[in-house]
Amino acid sequence: MSRPKTLKLPEVLDQLDMSRTAFYRMCAKGKGPKFKKLPNGQLRFRQVDIDAWWEDLEE
């Protein structure tokens, strides 16, 4: 079984055409996509979670 594709924050920001500041502001309000925080503090996002979050925004 293969692992789902994961993205780093800069890749997600590029996909969304969003600034880091706007992204963190959205997450602080609880309106951001799901992510995992690694022990080193970096964030990882699954592409399927980004896609599902995007779909929810459109509704």
PDB file of N, CA and C in Angstrom:
ATOM      1  N   MET A   1       0.849  -1.189   0.000  1.00  0.00           N
ATOM      2  CA  MET A   1       0.000   0.000   0.000  1.00  0.00           C
ATOM      3  C   MET A   1       0.891   1.247   0.000  1.00  0.00           C
ATOM      4  N   SER A   2       0.620   2.173  -0.901  1.00  0.00           N
ATOM      5  CA  SER A   2       1.458   3.371  -0.989  1.00  0.00           C
ATOM      6  C   SER A   2       0.914   4.473  -0.074  1.00  0.00           C
ATOM      7  N   ARG A   3       1.830   5.303   0.390  1.00  0.00           N
ATOM      8  CA  ARG A   3       1.453   6.437   1.232  1.00  0.00           C
ATOM      9  C   ARG A   3       0.840   7.524   0.370  1.00  0.00           C
ATOM     10  N   PRO A   4      -0.141   8.260   0.912  1.00  0.00           N
ATOM     11  CA  PRO A   4      -0.696   9.379   0.149  1.00  0.00           C
ATOM     12  C   PRO A   4       0.358  10.465  -0.038  1.00  0.00           C
ATOM     13  N   LYS A   5       0.255  11.192  -1.121  1.00  0.00           N
ATOM     14  CA  LYS A   5       1.199  12.267  -1.400  1.00  0.00           C
ATOM     15  C   LYS A   5       1.088  13.343  -0.333  1.00  0.00           C
ATOM     16  N   THR A   6       2.243  13.759   0.190  1.00  0.00           N
ATOM     17  CA  THR A   6       2.267  14.847   1.162  1.00  0.00           C
ATOM     18  C   THR A   6       2.972  16.048   0.563  1.00  0.00           C
ATOM     19  N   LEU A   7       2.549  17.205   1.013  1.00  0.00           N
ATOM     20  CA  LEU A   7       3.085  18.465   0.512  1.00  0.00           C
ATOM     21  C   LEU A   7       3.645  19.283   1.666  1.00  0.00           C
ATOM     22  N   LYS A   8       4.662  20.063   1.364  1.00  0.00           N
ATOM     23  CA  LYS A   8       5.197  21.020   2.324  1.00  0.00           C
ATOM     24  C   LYS A   8       4.400  22.314   2.199  1.00  0.00           C
ATOM     25  N   LEU A   9       4.476  23.161   3.217  1.00  0.00           N
ATOM     26  CA  LEU A   9       3.703  24.402   3.239  1.00  0.00           C
ATOM     27  C   LEU A   9       3.928  25.265   1.995  1.00  0.00           C
ATOM     28  N   PRO A  10       5.166  25.495   1.545  1.00  0.00           N
ATOM     29  CA  PRO A  10       5.328  26.324   0.343  1.00  0.00           C
ATOM     30  C   PRO A  10       4.602  25.757  -0.886  1.00  0.00           C
ATOM     31  N   GLU A  11       4.539  24.435  -0.994  1.00  0.00           N
ATOM     32  CA  GLU A  11       3.824  23.811  -2.113  1.00  0.00           C
ATOM     33  C   GLU A  11       2.323  24.060  -2.003  1.00  0.00           C
ATOM     34  N   VAL A  12       1.805  23.991  -0.780  1.00  0.00           N
ATOM     35  CA  VAL A  12       0.379  24.243  -0.565  1.00  0.00           C
ATOM     36  C   VAL A  12       0.053  25.703  -0.863  1.00  0.00           C
ATOM     37  N   LEU A  13       0.894  26.606  -0.376  1.00  0.00           N
ATOM     38  CA  LEU A  13       0.664  28.031  -0.610  1.00  0.00           C
ATOM     39  C   LEU A  13       0.690  28.344  -2.101  1.00  0.00           C
ATOM     40  N   ASP A  14       1.572  27.690  -2.832  1.00  0.00           N
ATOM     41  CA  ASP A  14       1.642  27.885  -4.278  1.00  0.00           C
ATOM     42  C   ASP A  14       0.366  27.387  -4.948  1.00  0.00           C
ATOM     43  N   GLN A  15      -0.104  26.219  -4.542  1.00  0.00           N
ATOM     44  CA  GLN A  15      -1.350  25.669  -5.100  1.00  0.00           C
ATOM     45  C   GLN A  15      -2.529  26.597  -4.854  1.00  0.00           C
ATOM     46  N   LEU A  16      -2.592  27.145  -3.646  1.00  0.00           N
ATOM     47  CA  LEU A  16      -3.721  27.982  -3.254  1.00  0.00           C
ATOM     48  C   LEU A  16      -3.558  29.433  -3.684  1.00  0.00           C
ATOM     49  N   ASP A  17      -2.370  29.791  -4.138  1.00  0.00           N
ATOM     50  CA  ASP A  17      -2.049  31.181  -4.477  1.00  0.00           C
ATOM     51  C   ASP A  17      -2.374  32.091  -3.286  1.00  0.00           C
ATOM     52  N   MET A  18      -1.796  31.728  -2.141  1.00  0.00           N
ATOM     53  CA  MET A  18      -2.082  32.407  -0.884  1.00  0.00           C
ATOM     54  C   MET A  18      -0.772  32.735  -0.169  1.00  0.00           C
ATOM     55  N   SER A  19      -0.763  33.849   0.542  1.00  0.00           N
ATOM     56  CA  SER A  19       0.431  34.205   1.312  1.00  0.00           C
ATOM     57  C   SER A  19       0.480  33.381   2.588  1.00  0.00           C
ATOM     58  N   ARG A  20       1.678  33.247   3.135  1.00  0.00           N
ATOM     59  CA  ARG A  20       1.869  32.521   4.390  1.00  0.00           C
ATOM     60  C   ARG A  20       1.074  33.193   5.518  1.00  0.00           C
ATOM     61  N   THR A  21       1.082  34.516   5.541  1.00  0.00           N
ATOM     62  CA  THR A  21       0.359  35.258   6.577  1.00  0.00           C
ATOM     63  C   THR A  21      -1.135  34.982   6.510  1.00  0.00           C
ATOM     64  N   ALA A  22      -1.704  35.044   5.306  1.00  0.00           N
ATOM     65  CA  ALA A  22      -3.143  34.782   5.151  1.00  0.00           C
ATOM     66  C   ALA A  22      -3.471  33.352   5.539  1.00  0.00           C
ATOM     67  N   PHE A  23      -2.588  32.420   5.195  1.00  0.00           N
ATOM     68  CA  PHE A  23      -2.814  31.019   5.528  1.00  0.00           C
ATOM     69  C   PHE A  23      -2.835  30.826   7.038  1.00  0.00           C
ATOM     70  N   TYR A  24      -1.848  31.367   7.744  1.00  0.00           N
ATOM     71  CA  TYR A  24      -1.796  31.212   9.200  1.00  0.00           C
ATOM     72  C   TYR A  24      -2.976  31.911   9.873  1.00  0.00           C
ATOM     73  N   ARG A  25      -3.416  33.031   9.317  1.00  0.00           N
ATOM     74  CA  ARG A  25      -4.573  33.739   9.854  1.00  0.00           C
ATOM     75  C   ARG A  25      -5.816  32.848   9.747  1.00  0.00           C
ATOM     76  N   MET A  26      -5.981  32.194   8.586  1.00  0.00           N
ATOM     77  CA  MET A  26      -7.115  31.306   8.368  1.00  0.00           C
ATOM     78  C   MET A  26      -7.064  30.118   9.334  1.00  0.00           C
ATOM     79  N   CYS A  27      -5.879  29.542   9.510  1.00  0.00           N
ATOM     80  CA  CYS A  27      -5.728  28.402  10.426  1.00  0.00           C
ATOM     81  C   CYS A  27      -6.026  28.810  11.867  1.00  0.00           C
ATOM     82  N   ALA A  28      -5.621  30.008  12.251  1.00  0.00           N
ATOM     83  CA  ALA A  28      -5.875  30.490  13.608  1.00  0.00           C
ATOM     84  C   ALA A  28      -7.370  30.602  13.887  1.00  0.00           C
ATOM     85  N   LYS A  29      -8.155  30.841  12.835  1.00  0.00           N
ATOM     86  CA  LYS A  29      -9.609  30.927  12.967  1.00  0.00           C
ATOM     87  C   LYS A  29     -10.263  29.556  12.864  1.00  0.00           C
ATOM     88  N   GLY A  30      -9.446  28.499  12.680  1.00  0.00           N
ATOM     89  CA  GLY A  30      -9.980  27.154  12.570  1.00  0.00           C
ATOM     90  C   GLY A  30     -10.569  26.834  11.216  1.00  0.00           C
ATOM     91  N   LYS A  31     -10.185  27.594  10.194  1.00  0.00           N
ATOM     92  CA  LYS A  31     -10.759  27.409   8.860  1.00  0.00           C
ATOM     93  C   LYS A  31      -9.756  26.883   7.840  1.00  0.00           C
ATOM     94  N   GLY A  32      -8.613  26.395   8.301  1.00  0.00           N
ATOM     95  CA  GLY A  32      -7.587  25.883   7.397  1.00  0.00           C
ATOM     96  C   GLY A  32      -7.729  24.395   7.148  1.00  0.00           C
ATOM     97  N   PRO A  33      -6.963  23.881   6.197  1.00  0.00           N
ATOM     98  CA  PRO A  33      -7.002  22.438   5.916  1.00  0.00           C
ATOM     99  C   PRO A  33      -6.298  21.647   7.016  1.00  0.00           C
ATOM    100  N   LYS A  34      -6.580  20.342   7.063  1.00  0.00           N
ATOM    101  CA  LYS A  34      -5.919  19.478   8.039  1.00  0.00           C
ATOM    102  C   LYS A  34      -4.446  19.331   7.671  1.00  0.00           C
ATOM    103  N   PHE A  35      -3.612  19.192   8.704  1.00  0.00           N
ATOM    104  CA  PHE A  35      -2.184  18.998   8.486  1.00  0.00           C
ATOM    105  C   PHE A  35      -1.589  18.236   9.649  1.00  0.00           C
ATOM    106  N   LYS A  36      -0.388  17.752   9.440  1.00  0.00           N
ATOM    107  CA  LYS A  36       0.386  17.088  10.489  1.00  0.00           C
ATOM    108  C   LYS A  36       1.580  17.973  10.802  1.00  0.00           C
ATOM    109  N   LYS A  37       1.889  18.105  12.081  1.00  0.00           N
ATOM    110  CA  LYS A  37       3.073  18.853  12.481  1.00  0.00           C
ATOM    111  C   LYS A  37       4.149  17.849  12.854  1.00  0.00           C
ATOM    112  N   LEU A  38       5.275  17.917  12.178  1.00  0.00           N
ATOM    113  CA  LEU A  38       6.380  17.007  12.436  1.00  0.00           C
ATOM    114  C   LEU A  38       7.129  17.435  13.703  1.00  0.00           C
ATOM    115  N   PRO A  39       7.902  16.529  14.305  1.00  0.00           N
ATOM    116  CA  PRO A  39       8.656  16.877  15.524  1.00  0.00           C
ATOM    117  C   PRO A  39       9.588  18.083  15.333  1.00  0.00           C
ATOM    118  N   ASN A  40      10.054  18.322  14.102  1.00  0.00           N
ATOM    119  CA  ASN A  40      10.931  19.467  13.860  1.00  0.00           C
ATOM    120  C   ASN A  40      10.156  20.763  13.626  1.00  0.00           C
ATOM    121  N   GLY A  41       8.818  20.705  13.728  1.00  0.00           N
ATOM    122  CA  GLY A  41       7.992  21.896  13.583  1.00  0.00           C
ATOM    123  C   GLY A  41       7.443  22.130  12.185  1.00  0.00           C
ATOM    124  N   GLN A  42       7.953  21.387  11.208  1.00  0.00           N
ATOM    125  CA  GLN A  42       7.466  21.549   9.840  1.00  0.00           C
ATOM    126  C   GLN A  42       6.067  20.971   9.705  1.00  0.00           C
ATOM    127  N   LEU A  43       5.310  21.526   8.771  1.00  0.00           N
ATOM    128  CA  LEU A  43       3.954  21.061   8.507  1.00  0.00           C
ATOM    129  C   LEU A  43       3.937  20.213   7.249  1.00  0.00           C
ATOM    130  N   ARG A  44       3.092  19.187   7.245  1.00  0.00           N
ATOM    131  CA  ARG A  44       2.892  18.346   6.069  1.00  0.00           C
ATOM    132  C   ARG A  44       1.395  18.216   5.823  1.00  0.00           C
ATOM    133  N   PHE A  45       1.018  18.293   4.568  1.00  0.00           N
ATOM    134  CA  PHE A  45      -0.374  18.245   4.151  1.00  0.00           C
ATOM    135  C   PHE A  45      -0.553  17.105   3.168  1.00  0.00           C
ATOM    136  N   ARG A  46      -1.637  16.353   3.325  1.00  0.00           N
ATOM    137  CA  ARG A  46      -1.960  15.326   2.341  1.00  0.00           C
ATOM    138  C   ARG A  46      -2.760  15.999   1.230  1.00  0.00           C
ATOM    139  N   GLN A  47      -2.460  15.651  -0.002  1.00  0.00           N
ATOM    140  CA  GLN A  47      -3.161  16.248  -1.140  1.00  0.00           C
ATOM    141  C   GLN A  47      -4.669  15.997  -1.040  1.00  0.00           C
ATOM    142  N   VAL A  48      -5.044  14.810  -0.585  1.00  0.00           N
ATOM    143  CA  VAL A  48      -6.484  14.507  -0.471  1.00  0.00           C
ATOM    144  C   VAL A  48      -7.170  15.431   0.539  1.00  0.00           C
ATOM    145  N   ASP A  49      -6.466  15.823   1.611  1.00  0.00           N
ATOM    146  CA  ASP A  49      -7.046  16.738   2.595  1.00  0.00           C
ATOM    147  C   ASP A  49      -7.181  18.144   2.023  1.00  0.00           C
ATOM    148  N   ILE A  50      -6.198  18.571   1.240  1.00  0.00           N
ATOM    149  CA  ILE A  50      -6.270  19.888   0.590  1.00  0.00           C
ATOM    150  C   ILE A  50      -7.454  19.911  -0.380  1.00  0.00           C
ATOM    151  N   ASP A  51      -7.593  18.856  -1.171  1.00  0.00           N
ATOM    152  CA  ASP A  51      -8.690  18.775  -2.144  1.00  0.00           C
ATOM    153  C   ASP A  51     -10.047  18.787  -1.449  1.00  0.00           C
ATOM    154  N   ALA A  52     -10.186  18.027  -0.354  1.00  0.00           N
ATOM    155  CA  ALA A  52     -11.455  17.984   0.385  1.00  0.00           C
ATOM    156  C   ALA A  52     -11.770  19.330   1.014  1.00  0.00           C
ATOM    157  N   TRP A  53     -10.756  19.979   1.558  1.00  0.00           N
ATOM    158  CA  TRP A  53     -10.937  21.303   2.169  1.00  0.00           C
ATOM    159  C   TRP A  53     -11.391  22.305   1.114  1.00  0.00           C
ATOM    160  N   TRP A  54     -10.782  22.254  -0.066  1.00  0.00           N
ATOM    161  CA  TRP A  54     -11.125  23.163  -1.162  1.00  0.00           C
ATOM    162  C   TRP A  54     -12.579  22.958  -1.578  1.00  0.00           C
ATOM    163  N   GLU A  55     -12.993  21.691  -1.666  1.00  0.00           N
ATOM    164  CA  GLU A  55     -14.377  21.376  -2.019  1.00  0.00           C
ATOM    165  C   GLU A  55     -15.349  21.959  -0.983  1.00  0.00           C
ATOM    166  N   ASP A  56     -15.007  21.834   0.295  1.00  0.00           N
ATOM    167  CA  ASP A  56     -15.855  22.377   1.361  1.00  0.00           C
ATOM    168  C   ASP A  56     -15.988  23.885   1.271  1.00  0.00           C
ATOM    169  N   LEU A  57     -14.930  24.565   0.849  1.00  0.00           N
ATOM    170  CA  LEU A  57     -14.984  26.029   0.714  1.00  0.00           C
ATOM    171  C   LEU A  57     -15.940  26.443  -0.395  1.00  0.00           C
ATOM    172  N   GLU A  58     -16.037  25.644  -1.427  1.00  0.00           N
ATOM    173  CA  GLU A  58     -16.886  25.978  -2.564  1.00  0.00           C
ATOM    174  C   GLU A  58     -18.368  25.821  -2.254  1.00  0.00           C
ATOM    175  N   GLU A  59     -18.700  25.051  -1.213  1.00  0.00           N
ATOM    176  CA  GLU A  59     -20.116  24.799  -0.901  1.00  0.00           C
ATOM    177  C   GLU A  59     -20.753  25.915  -0.139  1.00  0.00           C
TER     178      GLU A  59
END
